[in-house]
Amino acid sequence: MFGEQTIAFVRLLPGDRVNDVLVKQIVRSATSIGANYMEADSAGTKKDFKYKIDLCRKEAKETKHWLRMIAKANQDKKEATRKLWQEAHELTLIFSSISLSCKKQ
């Protein structure tokens, strides 16, 4: 769902040299979160599960970075960007918590 929301959002951005680069980066990182979660869900081992969850966290953190850059390049989209950033932050916290609980087991 987050990847889909991000795709819908970036379609609203004007096409220019800066946004074209930012859009490619954020679409990769934001959609990777869901893909890695799907892989984690079907992981064969606890080690593989944790590795995929860590990738989810990494991609969520990277997505927050690209959202900050998009907000800087598109001042009129700050509110929409802030909402997506908050969701990416919540995903980061969720995946961090899952990863920590894997270490305790």
C-alpha atoms as a PDB file:
ATOM      1  CA  MET A   1       0.000   0.000   0.000  1.00  0.00           C
ATOM      2  CA  PHE A   2       2.800   2.451   0.880  1.00  0.00           C
ATOM      3  CA  GLY A   3       4.509   1.846  -2.457  1.00  0.00           C
ATOM      4  CA  GLU A   4       1.227   2.446  -4.254  1.00  0.00           C
ATOM      5  CA  GLN A   5       0.648   5.687  -2.343  1.00  0.00           C
ATOM      6  CA  THR A   6       4.142   6.831  -3.231  1.00  0.00           C
ATOM      7  CA  ILE A   7       3.611   6.092  -6.919  1.00  0.00           C
ATOM      8  CA  ALA A   8       0.345   8.050  -6.891  1.00  0.00           C
ATOM      9  CA  PHE A   9       2.090  10.963  -5.170  1.00  0.00           C
ATOM     10  CA  VAL A  10       5.052  11.177  -7.554  1.00  0.00           C
ATOM     11  CA  ARG A  11       2.709  11.215 -10.528  1.00  0.00           C
ATOM     12  CA  LEU A  12       1.597  14.642  -9.263  1.00  0.00           C
ATOM     13  CA  LEU A  13       5.110  16.090  -9.400  1.00  0.00           C
ATOM     14  CA  PRO A  14       6.149  18.211 -12.365  1.00  0.00           C
ATOM     15  CA  GLY A  15       8.622  16.603 -14.698  1.00  0.00           C
ATOM     16  CA  ASP A  16      12.013  18.310 -14.653  1.00  0.00           C
ATOM     17  CA  ARG A  17      15.655  17.251 -14.337  1.00  0.00           C
ATOM     18  CA  VAL A  18      15.662  17.249 -10.535  1.00  0.00           C
ATOM     19  CA  ASN A  19      12.302  15.548 -10.036  1.00  0.00           C
ATOM     20  CA  ASP A  20      13.072  12.924 -12.661  1.00  0.00           C
ATOM     21  CA  VAL A  21      16.092  11.774 -10.641  1.00  0.00           C
ATOM     22  CA  LEU A  22      14.276  11.962  -7.302  1.00  0.00           C
ATOM     23  CA  VAL A  23      11.242  10.089  -8.604  1.00  0.00           C
ATOM     24  CA  LYS A  24      13.359   7.200  -9.886  1.00  0.00           C
ATOM     25  CA  GLN A  25      15.098   6.894  -6.534  1.00  0.00           C
ATOM     26  CA  ILE A  26      11.993   7.068  -4.353  1.00  0.00           C
ATOM     27  CA  VAL A  27       9.972   4.685  -6.492  1.00  0.00           C
ATOM     28  CA  ARG A  28      12.781   2.139  -6.160  1.00  0.00           C
ATOM     29  CA  SER A  29      13.138   2.475  -2.397  1.00  0.00           C
ATOM     30  CA  ALA A  30       9.431   2.814  -1.542  1.00  0.00           C
ATOM     31  CA  THR A  31       8.311  -0.155  -3.633  1.00  0.00           C
ATOM     32  CA  SER A  32      11.239  -2.232  -2.392  1.00  0.00           C
ATOM     33  CA  ILE A  33       9.823  -2.094   1.143  1.00  0.00           C
ATOM     34  CA  GLY A  34       6.789  -4.150   0.175  1.00  0.00           C
ATOM     35  CA  ALA A  35       8.756  -6.509  -2.035  1.00  0.00           C
ATOM     36  CA  ASN A  36      11.224  -7.292   0.737  1.00  0.00           C
ATOM     37  CA  TYR A  37       8.409  -7.749   3.228  1.00  0.00           C
ATOM     38  CA  MET A  38       6.784 -10.279   0.902  1.00  0.00           C
ATOM     39  CA  GLU A  39      10.106 -12.124   0.745  1.00  0.00           C
ATOM     40  CA  ALA A  40      10.470 -11.989   4.530  1.00  0.00           C
ATOM     41  CA  ASP A  41       6.979 -13.417   4.907  1.00  0.00           C
ATOM     42  CA  SER A  42       8.002 -16.485   2.934  1.00  0.00           C
ATOM     43  CA  ALA A  43      11.531 -16.793   4.307  1.00  0.00           C
ATOM     44  CA  GLY A  44      12.719 -20.330   4.927  1.00  0.00           C
ATOM     45  CA  THR A  45      14.834 -19.552   7.969  1.00  0.00           C
ATOM     46  CA  LYS A  46      14.820 -17.082  10.865  1.00  0.00           C
ATOM     47  CA  LYS A  47      18.144 -15.716   9.629  1.00  0.00           C
ATOM     48  CA  ASP A  48      16.708 -15.041   6.167  1.00  0.00           C
ATOM     49  CA  PHE A  49      13.577 -13.496   7.719  1.00  0.00           C
ATOM     50  CA  LYS A  50      15.664 -11.103   9.813  1.00  0.00           C
ATOM     51  CA  TYR A  51      17.841 -10.208   6.812  1.00  0.00           C
ATOM     52  CA  LYS A  52      14.768  -9.304   4.723  1.00  0.00           C
ATOM     53  CA  ILE A  53      13.223  -7.318   7.590  1.00  0.00           C
ATOM     54  CA  ASP A  54      16.493  -5.396   7.917  1.00  0.00           C
ATOM     55  CA  LEU A  55      16.283  -4.630   4.200  1.00  0.00           C
ATOM     56  CA  CYS A  56      12.737  -3.324   4.721  1.00  0.00           C
ATOM     57  CA  ARG A  57      14.009  -1.012   7.457  1.00  0.00           C
ATOM     58  CA  LYS A  58      16.905   0.180   5.297  1.00  0.00           C
ATOM     59  CA  GLU A  59      14.625   0.953   2.354  1.00  0.00           C
ATOM     60  CA  ALA A  60      12.135   2.780   4.602  1.00  0.00           C
ATOM     61  CA  LYS A  61      14.957   4.959   5.951  1.00  0.00           C
ATOM     62  CA  GLU A  62      16.196   5.639   2.429  1.00  0.00           C
ATOM     63  CA  THR A  63      12.665   6.577   1.367  1.00  0.00           C
ATOM     64  CA  LYS A  64      12.555   9.165   4.165  1.00  0.00           C
ATOM     65  CA  HIS A  65      15.697  10.726   2.693  1.00  0.00           C
ATOM     66  CA  TRP A  66      14.214  10.949  -0.803  1.00  0.00           C
ATOM     67  CA  LEU A  67      11.008  12.431   0.605  1.00  0.00           C
ATOM     68  CA  ARG A  68      13.044  15.169   2.283  1.00  0.00           C
ATOM     69  CA  MET A  69      14.735  15.918  -1.032  1.00  0.00           C
ATOM     70  CA  ILE A  70      11.387  15.987  -2.859  1.00  0.00           C
ATOM     71  CA  ALA A  71       9.990  18.380  -0.249  1.00  0.00           C
ATOM     72  CA  LYS A  72      12.984  20.662  -0.774  1.00  0.00           C
ATOM     73  CA  ALA A  73      12.597  20.571  -4.568  1.00  0.00           C
ATOM     74  CA  ASN A  74       8.787  20.965  -4.465  1.00  0.00           C
ATOM     75  CA  GLN A  75       7.851  23.432  -1.739  1.00  0.00           C
ATOM     76  CA  ASP A  76       4.171  23.289  -2.750  1.00  0.00           C
ATOM     77  CA  LYS A  77       4.047  19.532  -1.990  1.00  0.00           C
ATOM     78  CA  LYS A  78       5.421  19.744   1.556  1.00  0.00           C
ATOM     79  CA  GLU A  79       2.228  18.612   3.283  1.00  0.00           C
ATOM     80  CA  ALA A  80       1.753  15.522   1.113  1.00  0.00           C
ATOM     81  CA  THR A  81       5.452  14.766   1.451  1.00  0.00           C
ATOM     82  CA  ARG A  82       5.251  15.114   5.235  1.00  0.00           C
ATOM     83  CA  LYS A  83       2.414  12.572   5.412  1.00  0.00           C
ATOM     84  CA  LEU A  84       4.380  10.036   3.384  1.00  0.00           C
ATOM     85  CA  TRP A  85       7.511  10.747   5.445  1.00  0.00           C
ATOM     86  CA  GLN A  86       5.549  10.041   8.644  1.00  0.00           C
ATOM     87  CA  GLU A  87       4.328   6.732   7.241  1.00  0.00           C
ATOM     88  CA  ALA A  88       7.858   5.778   6.165  1.00  0.00           C
ATOM     89  CA  HIS A  89       9.046   6.682   9.668  1.00  0.00           C
ATOM     90  CA  GLU A  90       6.385   4.449  11.222  1.00  0.00           C
ATOM     91  CA  LEU A  91       7.466   1.610   8.919  1.00  0.00           C
ATOM     92  CA  THR A  92      11.068   2.168  10.017  1.00  0.00           C
ATOM     93  CA  LEU A  93      10.032   1.852  13.660  1.00  0.00           C
ATOM     94  CA  ILE A  94       7.962  -1.269  12.982  1.00  0.00           C
ATOM     95  CA  PHE A  95      10.761  -3.018  11.115  1.00  0.00           C
ATOM     96  CA  SER A  96      13.289  -1.965  13.763  1.00  0.00           C
ATOM     97  CA  SER A  97      11.100  -3.503  16.435  1.00  0.00           C
ATOM     98  CA  ILE A  98      10.686  -6.732  14.489  1.00  0.00           C
ATOM     99  CA  SER A  99      14.424  -6.917  13.893  1.00  0.00           C
ATOM    100  CA  LEU A 100      15.162  -6.391  17.597  1.00  0.00           C
ATOM    101  CA  SER A 101      12.710  -9.112  18.583  1.00  0.00           C
ATOM    102  CA  CYS A 102      14.468 -11.496  16.166  1.00  0.00           C
ATOM    103  CA  LYS A 103      17.742 -10.933  18.003  1.00  0.00           C
ATOM    104  CA  LYS A 104      16.159 -11.818  21.336  1.00  0.00           C
ATOM    105  CA  GLN A 105      14.959 -15.224  20.147  1.00  0.00           C
END
